[in-house]
């Protein structure tokens, strides 16, 4: 069955870096886009990046553009999120999810994603 498993979260200081992984099983990344989301306590879940399955096109909201990089390793069926210059406001649980459509038409609406991982906690201390 379809499964997404995130890993790589942890505690870092402001300005530090982390790389999150999202291991996919039950489907191949060639045919599906993947999005990364985050949810801080008391806040709505928000999208932070997207990568298409067909051509690897990527998208980032302004809040993380230039600091976060999404990538994939099709051989390992894994998506990565490299996060640099981390700030306390990046603290959240980070989730990966499978996209039904493409990043170019997605606005990170939650109903565009059909499978979700369990999340990994990222904490950035000031």
Foldseek 3Di string as FASTA:
>chain_A
DWAWAKDWADEEAQQAKTKMKIQIPPDFLLQWKKWKWWDDPPDDIDTAKIFHNNPRDMDGDPVQPPFWDWDDDRVRSMIMIIGGRDDQVVWGWMKMFIAQDGPVPDPRDVVRTDDIHPTDTHGYHD
